[in-house]
PDB file of N, CA and C in Angstrom:
ATOM      1  N   MET A   1     -40.465 -74.769 -57.053  1.00  0.00           N
ATOM      2  CA  MET A   1     -39.565 -75.076 -55.973  1.00  0.00           C
ATOM      3  C   MET A   1     -40.327 -75.647 -54.783  1.00  0.00           C
ATOM      4  N   GLN A   2     -41.595 -75.342 -54.687  1.00  0.00           N
ATOM      5  CA  GLN A   2     -42.381 -75.837 -53.570  1.00  0.00           C
ATOM      6  C   GLN A   2     -42.578 -77.346 -53.709  1.00  0.00           C
ATOM      7  N   GLY A   3     -42.425 -78.048 -52.628  1.00  0.00           N
ATOM      8  CA  GLY A   3     -42.603 -79.493 -52.642  1.00  0.00           C
ATOM      9  C   GLY A   3     -41.326 -80.243 -52.971  1.00  0.00           C
ATOM     10  N   LYS A   4     -40.271 -79.536 -53.369  1.00  0.00           N
ATOM     11  CA  LYS A   4     -39.002 -80.195 -53.665  1.00  0.00           C
ATOM     12  C   LYS A   4     -38.275 -80.518 -52.373  1.00  0.00           C
ATOM     13  N   ARG A   5     -37.671 -81.650 -52.361  1.00  0.00           N
ATOM     14  CA  ARG A   5     -36.939 -82.070 -51.185  1.00  0.00           C
ATOM     15  C   ARG A   5     -35.502 -81.575 -51.220  1.00  0.00           C
ATOM     16  N   SER A   6     -35.002 -81.179 -50.094  1.00  0.00           N
ATOM     17  CA  SER A   6     -33.646 -80.670 -49.988  1.00  0.00           C
ATOM     18  C   SER A   6     -32.641 -81.811 -50.109  1.00  0.00           C
ATOM     19  N   ASP A   7     -31.465 -81.496 -50.624  1.00  0.00           N
ATOM     20  CA  ASP A   7     -30.396 -82.488 -50.717  1.00  0.00           C
ATOM     21  C   ASP A   7     -29.687 -82.682 -49.385  1.00  0.00           C
ATOM     22  N   CYS A   8     -30.023 -81.859 -48.409  1.00  0.00           N
ATOM     23  CA  CYS A   8     -29.353 -81.871 -47.113  1.00  0.00           C
ATOM     24  C   CYS A   8     -30.201 -82.652 -46.100  1.00  0.00           C
ATOM     25  N   SER A   9     -29.656 -83.721 -45.565  1.00  0.00           N
ATOM     26  CA  SER A   9     -30.401 -84.514 -44.592  1.00  0.00           C
ATOM     27  C   SER A   9     -30.009 -84.109 -43.176  1.00  0.00           C
ATOM     28  N   TRP A  10     -30.831 -84.489 -42.208  1.00  0.00           N
ATOM     29  CA  TRP A  10     -30.534 -84.184 -40.805  1.00  0.00           C
ATOM     30  C   TRP A  10     -29.269 -84.897 -40.355  1.00  0.00           C
ATOM     31  N   LEU A  11     -29.039 -86.073 -40.887  1.00  0.00           N
ATOM     32  CA  LEU A  11     -27.834 -86.822 -40.526  1.00  0.00           C
ATOM     33  C   LEU A  11     -26.588 -86.075 -41.000  1.00  0.00           C
ATOM     34  N   PHE A  12     -26.653 -85.520 -42.199  1.00  0.00           N
ATOM     35  CA  PHE A  12     -25.540 -84.748 -42.724  1.00  0.00           C
ATOM     36  C   PHE A  12     -25.294 -83.502 -41.876  1.00  0.00           C
ATOM     37  N   VAL A  13     -26.361 -82.791 -41.518  1.00  0.00           N
ATOM     38  CA  VAL A  13     -26.253 -81.587 -40.692  1.00  0.00           C
ATOM     39  C   VAL A  13     -25.701 -81.939 -39.319  1.00  0.00           C
ATOM     40  N   TRP A  14     -26.161 -83.050 -38.742  1.00  0.00           N
ATOM     41  CA  TRP A  14     -25.667 -83.481 -37.432  1.00  0.00           C
ATOM     42  C   TRP A  14     -24.170 -83.766 -37.499  1.00  0.00           C
ATOM     43  N   GLY A  15     -23.729 -84.381 -38.569  1.00  0.00           N
ATOM     44  CA  GLY A  15     -22.303 -84.654 -38.748  1.00  0.00           C
ATOM     45  C   GLY A  15     -21.492 -83.369 -38.816  1.00  0.00           C
ATOM     46  N   LEU A  16     -22.003 -82.355 -39.522  1.00  0.00           N
ATOM     47  CA  LEU A  16     -21.319 -81.064 -39.593  1.00  0.00           C
ATOM     48  C   LEU A  16     -21.258 -80.404 -38.219  1.00  0.00           C
ATOM     49  N   LEU A  17     -22.361 -80.468 -37.492  1.00  0.00           N
ATOM     50  CA  LEU A  17     -22.412 -79.859 -36.160  1.00  0.00           C
ATOM     51  C   LEU A  17     -21.428 -80.547 -35.211  1.00  0.00           C
ATOM     52  N   CYS A  18     -21.353 -81.844 -35.278  1.00  0.00           N
ATOM     53  CA  CYS A  18     -20.412 -82.580 -34.421  1.00  0.00           C
ATOM     54  C   CYS A  18     -18.973 -82.191 -34.722  1.00  0.00           C
ATOM     55  N   GLU A  19     -18.649 -81.985 -36.004  1.00  0.00           N
ATOM     56  CA  GLU A  19     -17.301 -81.552 -36.378  1.00  0.00           C
ATOM     57  C   GLU A  19     -17.017 -80.150 -35.850  1.00  0.00           C
ATOM     58  N   LEU A  20     -18.004 -79.262 -35.916  1.00  0.00           N
ATOM     59  CA  LEU A  20     -17.825 -77.904 -35.391  1.00  0.00           C
ATOM     60  C   LEU A  20     -17.574 -77.925 -33.890  1.00  0.00           C
ATOM     61  N   LEU A  21     -18.280 -78.789 -33.174  1.00  0.00           N
ATOM     62  CA  LEU A  21     -18.178 -78.815 -31.717  1.00  0.00           C
ATOM     63  C   LEU A  21     -16.905 -79.488 -31.218  1.00  0.00           C
ATOM     64  N   LYS A  22     -16.181 -80.172 -32.087  1.00  0.00           N
ATOM     65  CA  LYS A  22     -14.907 -80.768 -31.682  1.00  0.00           C
ATOM     66  C   LYS A  22     -13.859 -79.705 -31.412  1.00  0.00           C
ATOM     67  N   GLU A  23     -13.960 -78.582 -32.088  1.00  0.00           N
ATOM     68  CA  GLU A  23     -13.003 -77.489 -31.934  1.00  0.00           C
ATOM     69  C   GLU A  23     -13.461 -76.561 -30.821  1.00  0.00           C
ATOM     70  N   ARG A  24     -12.915 -76.717 -29.620  1.00  0.00           N
ATOM     71  CA  ARG A  24     -13.366 -75.955 -28.450  1.00  0.00           C
ATOM     72  C   ARG A  24     -12.984 -74.480 -28.502  1.00  0.00           C
ATOM     73  N   ASP A  25     -12.021 -74.123 -29.350  1.00  0.00           N
ATOM     74  CA  ASP A  25     -11.601 -72.723 -29.466  1.00  0.00           C
ATOM     75  C   ASP A  25     -12.385 -71.963 -30.526  1.00  0.00           C
ATOM     76  N   SER A  26     -13.379 -72.589 -31.133  1.00  0.00           N
ATOM     77  CA  SER A  26     -14.099 -71.936 -32.231  1.00  0.00           C
ATOM     78  C   SER A  26     -15.202 -71.009 -31.715  1.00  0.00           C
ATOM     79  N   HIS A  27     -15.541 -70.054 -32.528  1.00  0.00           N
ATOM     80  CA  HIS A  27     -16.626 -69.134 -32.206  1.00  0.00           C
ATOM     81  C   HIS A  27     -17.961 -69.867 -32.211  1.00  0.00           C
ATOM     82  N   CYS A  28     -18.094 -70.877 -33.067  1.00  0.00           N
ATOM     83  CA  CYS A  28     -19.340 -71.655 -33.112  1.00  0.00           C
ATOM     84  C   CYS A  28     -19.585 -72.366 -31.783  1.00  0.00           C
ATOM     85  N   PHE A  29     -18.546 -72.996 -31.247  1.00  0.00           N
ATOM     86  CA  PHE A  29     -18.680 -73.686 -29.971  1.00  0.00           C
ATOM     87  C   PHE A  29     -19.032 -72.695 -28.864  1.00  0.00           C
ATOM     88  N   ALA A  30     -18.336 -71.542 -28.847  1.00  0.00           N
ATOM     89  CA  ALA A  30     -18.578 -70.542 -27.811  1.00  0.00           C
ATOM     90  C   ALA A  30     -20.008 -70.022 -27.888  1.00  0.00           C
ATOM     91  N   PHE A  31     -20.511 -69.808 -29.097  1.00  0.00           N
ATOM     92  CA  PHE A  31     -21.880 -69.327 -29.253  1.00  0.00           C
ATOM     93  C   PHE A  31     -22.886 -70.363 -28.767  1.00  0.00           C
ATOM     94  N   LEU A  32     -22.713 -71.606 -29.188  1.00  0.00           N
ATOM     95  CA  LEU A  32     -23.666 -72.650 -28.800  1.00  0.00           C
ATOM     96  C   LEU A  32     -23.592 -72.966 -27.309  1.00  0.00           C
ATOM     97  N   ALA A  33     -22.416 -72.777 -26.702  1.00  0.00           N
ATOM     98  CA  ALA A  33     -22.273 -73.029 -25.266  1.00  0.00           C
ATOM     99  C   ALA A  33     -22.726 -71.837 -24.430  1.00  0.00           C
ATOM    100  N   GLY A  34     -22.974 -70.692 -25.075  1.00  0.00           N
ATOM    101  CA  GLY A  34     -23.450 -69.522 -24.350  1.00  0.00           C
ATOM    102  C   GLY A  34     -22.340 -68.739 -23.669  1.00  0.00           C
ATOM    103  N   TYR A  35     -21.105 -68.868 -24.166  1.00  0.00           N
ATOM    104  CA  TYR A  35     -19.985 -68.137 -23.574  1.00  0.00           C
ATOM    105  C   TYR A  35     -20.129 -66.647 -23.859  1.00  0.00           C
ATOM    106  N   SER A  36     -19.603 -65.811 -22.968  1.00  0.00           N
ATOM    107  CA  SER A  36     -19.635 -64.368 -23.191  1.00  0.00           C
ATOM    108  C   SER A  36     -18.478 -63.936 -24.091  1.00  0.00           C
ATOM    109  N   TYR A  37     -17.438 -64.730 -24.188  1.00  0.00           N
ATOM    110  CA  TYR A  37     -16.348 -64.494 -25.133  1.00  0.00           C
ATOM    111  C   TYR A  37     -15.680 -65.826 -25.436  1.00  0.00           C
ATOM    112  N   VAL A  38     -14.817 -65.847 -26.453  1.00  0.00           N
ATOM    113  CA  VAL A  38     -14.161 -67.083 -26.867  1.00  0.00           C
ATOM    114  C   VAL A  38     -12.822 -67.198 -26.139  1.00  0.00           C
ATOM    115  N   PRO A  39     -12.709 -68.156 -25.213  1.00  0.00           N
ATOM    116  CA  PRO A  39     -11.441 -68.311 -24.491  1.00  0.00           C
ATOM    117  C   PRO A  39     -10.406 -69.022 -25.361  1.00  0.00           C
ATOM    118  N   SER A  40      -9.155 -68.678 -25.162  1.00  0.00           N
ATOM    119  CA  SER A  40      -8.091 -69.376 -25.881  1.00  0.00           C
ATOM    120  C   SER A  40      -7.842 -70.719 -25.197  1.00  0.00           C
ATOM    121  N   GLY A  41      -7.121 -71.572 -25.871  1.00  0.00           N
ATOM    122  CA  GLY A  41      -6.785 -72.866 -25.274  1.00  0.00           C
ATOM    123  C   GLY A  41      -5.967 -72.706 -24.009  1.00  0.00           C
ATOM    124  N   ALA A  42      -5.058 -71.725 -24.028  1.00  0.00           N
ATOM    125  CA  ALA A  42      -4.217 -71.480 -22.846  1.00  0.00           C
ATOM    126  C   ALA A  42      -5.066 -71.014 -21.665  1.00  0.00           C
ATOM    127  N   GLU A  43      -6.078 -70.197 -21.937  1.00  0.00           N
ATOM    128  CA  GLU A  43      -6.933 -69.725 -20.845  1.00  0.00           C
ATOM    129  C   GLU A  43      -7.741 -70.865 -20.250  1.00  0.00           C
ATOM    130  N   ARG A  44      -8.238 -71.755 -21.099  1.00  0.00           N
ATOM    131  CA  ARG A  44      -8.989 -72.906 -20.571  1.00  0.00           C
ATOM    132  C   ARG A  44      -8.086 -73.795 -19.725  1.00  0.00           C
ATOM    133  N   VAL A  45      -6.849 -73.996 -20.170  1.00  0.00           N
ATOM    134  CA  VAL A  45      -5.895 -74.808 -19.403  1.00  0.00           C
ATOM    135  C   VAL A  45      -5.593 -74.139 -18.061  1.00  0.00           C
ATOM    136  N   TYR A  46      -5.443 -72.808 -18.072  1.00  0.00           N
ATOM    137  CA  TYR A  46      -5.167 -72.068 -16.842  1.00  0.00           C
ATOM    138  C   TYR A  46      -6.284 -72.271 -15.823  1.00  0.00           C
ATOM    139  N   TRP A  47      -7.546 -72.100 -16.250  1.00  0.00           N
ATOM    140  CA  TRP A  47      -8.663 -72.245 -15.313  1.00  0.00           C
ATOM    141  C   TRP A  47      -8.834 -73.688 -14.865  1.00  0.00           C
ATOM    142  N   ASP A  48      -8.562 -74.651 -15.742  1.00  0.00           N
ATOM    143  CA  ASP A  48      -8.610 -76.060 -15.342  1.00  0.00           C
ATOM    144  C   ASP A  48      -7.540 -76.346 -14.288  1.00  0.00           C
ATOM    145  N   GLY A  49      -6.346 -75.764 -14.475  1.00  0.00           N
ATOM    146  CA  GLY A  49      -5.274 -75.945 -13.491  1.00  0.00           C
ATOM    147  C   GLY A  49      -5.620 -75.352 -12.145  1.00  0.00           C
ATOM    148  N   LEU A  50      -6.250 -74.167 -12.153  1.00  0.00           N
ATOM    149  CA  LEU A  50      -6.669 -73.564 -10.888  1.00  0.00           C
ATOM    150  C   LEU A  50      -7.690 -74.442 -10.171  1.00  0.00           C
ATOM    151  N   GLU A  51      -8.593 -75.033 -10.931  1.00  0.00           N
ATOM    152  CA  GLU A  51      -9.601 -75.888 -10.309  1.00  0.00           C
ATOM    153  C   GLU A  51      -8.962 -77.153  -9.731  1.00  0.00           C
ATOM    154  N   LEU A  52      -8.033 -77.744 -10.470  1.00  0.00           N
ATOM    155  CA  LEU A  52      -7.371 -78.956  -9.980  1.00  0.00           C
ATOM    156  C   LEU A  52      -6.533 -78.687  -8.738  1.00  0.00           C
ATOM    157  N   SER A  53      -5.935 -77.508  -8.662  1.00  0.00           N
ATOM    158  CA  SER A  53      -5.102 -77.189  -7.496  1.00  0.00           C
ATOM    159  C   SER A  53      -5.938 -76.724  -6.303  1.00  0.00           C
ATOM    160  N   GLY A  54      -7.236 -76.554  -6.499  1.00  0.00           N
ATOM    161  CA  GLY A  54      -8.123 -76.175  -5.411  1.00  0.00           C
ATOM    162  C   GLY A  54      -8.111 -74.689  -5.098  1.00  0.00           C
ATOM    163  N   LYS A  55      -7.651 -73.860  -6.010  1.00  0.00           N
ATOM    164  CA  LYS A  55      -7.558 -72.426  -5.757  1.00  0.00           C
ATOM    165  C   LYS A  55      -8.827 -71.660  -6.129  1.00  0.00           C
ATOM    166  N   LEU A  56      -9.799 -72.333  -6.723  1.00  0.00           N
ATOM    167  CA  LEU A  56     -11.053 -71.666  -7.070  1.00  0.00           C
ATOM    168  C   LEU A  56     -12.033 -71.779  -5.908  1.00  0.00           C
ATOM    169  N   LYS A  57     -12.728 -70.690  -5.620  1.00  0.00           N
ATOM    170  CA  LYS A  57     -13.721 -70.715  -4.551  1.00  0.00           C
ATOM    171  C   LYS A  57     -14.948 -71.516  -4.961  1.00  0.00           C
ATOM    172  N   LYS A  58     -15.306 -71.426  -6.236  1.00  0.00           N
ATOM    173  CA  LYS A  58     -16.506 -72.099  -6.730  1.00  0.00           C
ATOM    174  C   LYS A  58     -16.100 -73.134  -7.774  1.00  0.00           C
ATOM    175  N   LYS A  59     -16.420 -74.380  -7.539  1.00  0.00           N
ATOM    176  CA  LYS A  59     -16.033 -75.442  -8.455  1.00  0.00           C
ATOM    177  C   LYS A  59     -16.710 -75.242  -9.805  1.00  0.00           C
ATOM    178  N   GLY A  60     -15.929 -75.356 -10.856  1.00  0.00           N
ATOM    179  CA  GLY A  60     -16.463 -75.236 -12.199  1.00  0.00           C
ATOM    180  C   GLY A  60     -16.582 -73.805 -12.703  1.00  0.00           C
ATOM    181  N   TYR A  61     -16.126 -72.826 -11.907  1.00  0.00           N
ATOM    182  CA  TYR A  61     -16.235 -71.428 -12.343  1.00  0.00           C
ATOM    183  C   TYR A  61     -15.304 -71.159 -13.512  1.00  0.00           C
ATOM    184  N   ARG A  62     -15.822 -70.520 -14.528  1.00  0.00           N
ATOM    185  CA  ARG A  62     -15.048 -70.032 -15.654  1.00  0.00           C
ATOM    186  C   ARG A  62     -15.595 -68.658 -16.009  1.00  0.00           C
ATOM    187  N   PRO A  63     -14.745 -67.646 -16.151  1.00  0.00           N
ATOM    188  CA  PRO A  63     -15.248 -66.302 -16.415  1.00  0.00           C
ATOM    189  C   PRO A  63     -15.983 -66.188 -17.742  1.00  0.00           C
ATOM    190  N   TYR A  64     -15.637 -67.007 -18.715  1.00  0.00           N
ATOM    191  CA  TYR A  64     -16.299 -66.928 -20.012  1.00  0.00           C
ATOM    192  C   TYR A  64     -17.694 -67.540 -19.994  1.00  0.00           C
ATOM    193  N   THR A  65     -18.030 -68.301 -18.968  1.00  0.00           N
ATOM    194  CA  THR A  65     -19.390 -68.834 -18.843  1.00  0.00           C
ATOM    195  C   THR A  65     -20.250 -67.989 -17.914  1.00  0.00           C
ATOM    196  N   ASP A  66     -19.635 -67.014 -17.259  1.00  0.00           N
ATOM    197  CA  ASP A  66     -20.330 -66.158 -16.306  1.00  0.00           C
ATOM    198  C   ASP A  66     -21.084 -65.058 -17.049  1.00  0.00           C
ATOM    199  N   LYS A  67     -22.388 -65.018 -16.915  1.00  0.00           N
ATOM    200  CA  LYS A  67     -23.206 -64.021 -17.610  1.00  0.00           C
ATOM    201  C   LYS A  67     -22.952 -62.612 -17.106  1.00  0.00           C
ATOM    202  N   ARG A  68     -22.442 -62.474 -15.890  1.00  0.00           N
ATOM    203  CA  ARG A  68     -22.162 -61.141 -15.357  1.00  0.00           C
ATOM    204  C   ARG A  68     -21.009 -60.471 -16.080  1.00  0.00           C
ATOM    205  N   SER A  69     -20.119 -61.260 -16.687  1.00  0.00           N
ATOM    206  CA  SER A  69     -18.979 -60.669 -17.390  1.00  0.00           C
ATOM    207  C   SER A  69     -19.270 -60.420 -18.861  1.00  0.00           C
ATOM    208  N   ASP A  70     -20.499 -60.641 -19.293  1.00  0.00           N
ATOM    209  CA  ASP A  70     -20.866 -60.432 -20.684  1.00  0.00           C
ATOM    210  C   ASP A  70     -21.193 -58.956 -20.914  1.00  0.00           C
ATOM    211  N   LEU A  71     -20.196 -58.197 -21.363  1.00  0.00           N
ATOM    212  CA  LEU A  71     -20.356 -56.753 -21.531  1.00  0.00           C
ATOM    213  C   LEU A  71     -21.388 -56.405 -22.597  1.00  0.00           C
ATOM    214  N   LEU A  72     -21.428 -57.171 -23.679  1.00  0.00           N
ATOM    215  CA  LEU A  72     -22.381 -56.870 -24.749  1.00  0.00           C
ATOM    216  C   LEU A  72     -23.813 -57.062 -24.281  1.00  0.00           C
ATOM    217  N   ARG A  73     -24.043 -58.081 -23.472  1.00  0.00           N
ATOM    218  CA  ARG A  73     -25.394 -58.332 -22.957  1.00  0.00           C
ATOM    219  C   ARG A  73     -25.826 -57.189 -22.031  1.00  0.00           C
ATOM    220  N   ARG A  74     -24.888 -56.733 -21.194  1.00  0.00           N
ATOM    221  CA  ARG A  74     -25.197 -55.631 -20.284  1.00  0.00           C
ATOM    222  C   ARG A  74     -25.506 -54.355 -21.041  1.00  0.00           C
ATOM    223  N   MET A  75     -24.758 -54.083 -22.114  1.00  0.00           N
ATOM    224  CA  MET A  75     -25.001 -52.880 -22.906  1.00  0.00           C
ATOM    225  C   MET A  75     -26.368 -52.949 -23.577  1.00  0.00           C
ATOM    226  N   ALA A  76     -26.750 -54.117 -24.073  1.00  0.00           N
ATOM    227  CA  ALA A  76     -28.046 -54.268 -24.729  1.00  0.00           C
ATOM    228  C   ALA A  76     -29.182 -54.055 -23.735  1.00  0.00           C
ATOM    229  N   LEU A  77     -29.003 -54.518 -22.503  1.00  0.00           N
ATOM    230  CA  LEU A  77     -30.035 -54.332 -21.488  1.00  0.00           C
ATOM    231  C   LEU A  77     -30.133 -52.879 -21.047  1.00  0.00           C
ATOM    232  N   SER A  78     -29.004 -52.155 -21.069  1.00  0.00           N
ATOM    233  CA  SER A  78     -29.012 -50.785 -20.589  1.00  0.00           C
ATOM    234  C   SER A  78     -29.527 -49.798 -21.639  1.00  0.00           C
ATOM    235  N   GLN A  79     -29.580 -50.213 -22.901  1.00  0.00           N
ATOM    236  CA  GLN A  79     -30.056 -49.324 -23.959  1.00  0.00           C
ATOM    237  C   GLN A  79     -31.568 -49.504 -24.128  1.00  0.00           C
ATOM    238  N   SER A  80     -32.319 -48.758 -23.370  1.00  0.00           N
ATOM    239  CA  SER A  80     -33.764 -48.840 -23.474  1.00  0.00           C
ATOM    240  C   SER A  80     -34.321 -47.454 -23.768  1.00  0.00           C
ATOM    241  N   THR A  81     -35.542 -47.422 -24.230  1.00  0.00           N
ATOM    242  CA  THR A  81     -36.147 -46.163 -24.625  1.00  0.00           C
ATOM    243  C   THR A  81     -36.574 -45.354 -23.405  1.00  0.00           C
ATOM    244  N   GLY A  82     -36.864 -44.085 -23.633  1.00  0.00           N
ATOM    245  CA  GLY A  82     -37.306 -43.213 -22.551  1.00  0.00           C
ATOM    246  C   GLY A  82     -38.611 -43.682 -21.941  1.00  0.00           C
ATOM    247  N   ARG A  83     -39.511 -44.214 -22.794  1.00  0.00           N
ATOM    248  CA  ARG A  83     -40.800 -44.712 -22.301  1.00  0.00           C
ATOM    249  C   ARG A  83     -40.590 -45.917 -21.380  1.00  0.00           C
ATOM    250  N   GLU A  84     -39.697 -46.825 -21.787  1.00  0.00           N
ATOM    251  CA  GLU A  84     -39.409 -47.998 -20.949  1.00  0.00           C
ATOM    252  C   GLU A  84     -38.830 -47.569 -19.609  1.00  0.00           C
ATOM    253  N   ASN A  85     -37.943 -46.590 -19.648  1.00  0.00           N
ATOM    254  CA  ASN A  85     -37.348 -46.102 -18.398  1.00  0.00           C
ATOM    255  C   ASN A  85     -38.400 -45.463 -17.497  1.00  0.00           C
ATOM    256  N   ALA A  86     -39.325 -44.705 -18.088  1.00  0.00           N
ATOM    257  CA  ALA A  86     -40.382 -44.062 -17.301  1.00  0.00           C
ATOM    258  C   ALA A  86     -41.286 -45.115 -16.660  1.00  0.00           C
ATOM    259  N   GLU A  87     -41.643 -46.151 -17.433  1.00  0.00           N
ATOM    260  CA  GLU A  87     -42.484 -47.226 -16.892  1.00  0.00           C
ATOM    261  C   GLU A  87     -41.755 -47.981 -15.790  1.00  0.00           C
ATOM    262  N   ARG A  88     -40.462 -48.199 -15.992  1.00  0.00           N
ATOM    263  CA  ARG A  88     -39.664 -48.898 -14.980  1.00  0.00           C
ATOM    264  C   ARG A  88     -39.615 -48.081 -13.684  1.00  0.00           C
ATOM    265  N   GLU A  89     -39.458 -46.769 -13.811  1.00  0.00           N
ATOM    266  CA  GLU A  89     -39.431 -45.910 -12.629  1.00  0.00           C
ATOM    267  C   GLU A  89     -40.771 -45.921 -11.898  1.00  0.00           C
ATOM    268  N   LYS A  90     -41.882 -45.946 -12.657  1.00  0.00           N
ATOM    269  CA  LYS A  90     -43.213 -46.020 -12.027  1.00  0.00           C
ATOM    270  C   LYS A  90     -43.363 -47.307 -11.229  1.00  0.00           C
ATOM    271  N   LEU A  91     -42.911 -48.410 -11.822  1.00  0.00           N
ATOM    272  CA  LEU A  91     -42.999 -49.690 -11.119  1.00  0.00           C
ATOM    273  C   LEU A  91     -42.116 -49.703  -9.869  1.00  0.00           C
ATOM    274  N   LYS A  92     -40.939 -49.117  -9.963  1.00  0.00           N
ATOM    275  CA  LYS A  92     -40.052 -49.053  -8.799  1.00  0.00           C
ATOM    276  C   LYS A  92     -40.708 -48.282  -7.660  1.00  0.00           C
ATOM    277  N   LYS A  93     -41.341 -47.161  -8.003  1.00  0.00           N
ATOM    278  CA  LYS A  93     -42.010 -46.358  -6.975  1.00  0.00           C
ATOM    279  C   LYS A  93     -43.199 -47.121  -6.390  1.00  0.00           C
ATOM    280  N   PHE A  94     -43.967 -47.781  -7.245  1.00  0.00           N
ATOM    281  CA  PHE A  94     -45.154 -48.499  -6.800  1.00  0.00           C
ATOM    282  C   PHE A  94     -44.798 -49.630  -5.841  1.00  0.00           C
ATOM    283  N   PHE A  95     -43.725 -50.380  -6.170  1.00  0.00           N
ATOM    284  CA  PHE A  95     -43.323 -51.523  -5.356  1.00  0.00           C
ATOM    285  C   PHE A  95     -42.224 -51.181  -4.346  1.00  0.00           C
ATOM    286  N   HIS A  96     -41.881 -49.894  -4.212  1.00  0.00           N
ATOM    287  CA  HIS A  96     -40.858 -49.435  -3.261  1.00  0.00           C
ATOM    288  C   HIS A  96     -39.530 -50.157  -3.470  1.00  0.00           C
ATOM    289  N   ILE A  97     -39.091 -50.199  -4.724  1.00  0.00           N
ATOM    290  CA  ILE A  97     -37.831 -50.875  -5.064  1.00  0.00           C
ATOM    291  C   ILE A  97     -36.728 -49.846  -5.128  1.00  0.00           C
ATOM    292  N   GLN A  98     -35.642 -50.149  -4.435  1.00  0.00           N
ATOM    293  CA  GLN A  98     -34.461 -49.280  -4.497  1.00  0.00           C
ATOM    294  C   GLN A  98     -33.334 -50.071  -5.127  1.00  0.00           C
ATOM    295  N   GLU A  99     -32.634 -49.421  -6.067  1.00  0.00           N
ATOM    296  CA  GLU A  99     -31.519 -50.100  -6.723  1.00  0.00           C
ATOM    297  C   GLU A  99     -30.316 -50.142  -5.808  1.00  0.00           C
ATOM    298  N   MET A 100     -29.602 -51.248  -5.886  1.00  0.00           N
ATOM    299  CA  MET A 100     -28.361 -51.395  -5.111  1.00  0.00           C
ATOM    300  C   MET A 100     -27.264 -50.653  -5.836  1.00  0.00           C
ATOM    301  N   PRO A 101     -26.412 -49.921  -5.131  1.00  0.00           N
ATOM    302  CA  PRO A 101     -25.289 -49.249  -5.798  1.00  0.00           C
ATOM    303  C   PRO A 101     -24.314 -50.299  -6.296  1.00  0.00           C
ATOM    304  N   GLU A 102     -23.763 -50.061  -7.512  1.00  0.00           N
ATOM    305  CA  GLU A 102     -22.809 -51.003  -8.066  1.00  0.00           C
ATOM    306  C   GLU A 102     -21.486 -50.872  -7.327  1.00  0.00           C
ATOM    307  N   SER A 103     -20.836 -52.015  -7.091  1.00  0.00           N
ATOM    308  CA  SER A 103     -19.547 -51.981  -6.402  1.00  0.00           C
ATOM    309  C   SER A 103     -18.489 -51.468  -7.376  1.00  0.00           C
ATOM    310  N   SER A 104     -17.497 -50.811  -6.863  1.00  0.00           N
ATOM    311  CA  SER A 104     -16.474 -50.218  -7.718  1.00  0.00           C
ATOM    312  C   SER A 104     -15.332 -51.194  -8.021  1.00  0.00           C
ATOM    313  N   GLY A 105     -15.472 -52.428  -7.676  1.00  0.00           N
ATOM    314  CA  GLY A 105     -14.475 -53.438  -8.025  1.00  0.00           C
ATOM    315  C   GLY A 105     -13.222 -53.404  -7.167  1.00  0.00           C
ATOM    316  N   GLY A 106     -13.346 -53.005  -5.909  1.00  0.00           N
ATOM    317  CA  GLY A 106     -12.211 -53.047  -5.003  1.00  0.00           C
ATOM    318  C   GLY A 106     -11.372 -51.781  -4.985  1.00  0.00           C
ATOM    319  N   GLU A 107     -11.924 -50.680  -5.474  1.00  0.00           N
ATOM    320  CA  GLU A 107     -11.171 -49.424  -5.459  1.00  0.00           C
ATOM    321  C   GLU A 107     -11.297 -48.751  -4.122  1.00  0.00           C
TER     322      GLU A 107
END
């Protein structure tokens, strides 16, 4: 098997990738774009409408592109070992770092 050439060319793969990216509601597109979740077509239309009407504070804001709303990423970062936590605490003490309290979301 070594030295055998694959039947799959880069041009063929590029064509498949282009077809996948045409579907904006697909999980493949959301993954490659770095979205935190897959928005529905209606949700994308809603946020586009808000931007066109000028109701968004930040131009181009979409919650699915915001890394702060990625719950899975936050959970992965928070699951660390006891040794990592101890080292992190040592560094905080050494550099006099104090954590900011998390906001309660308007409660």
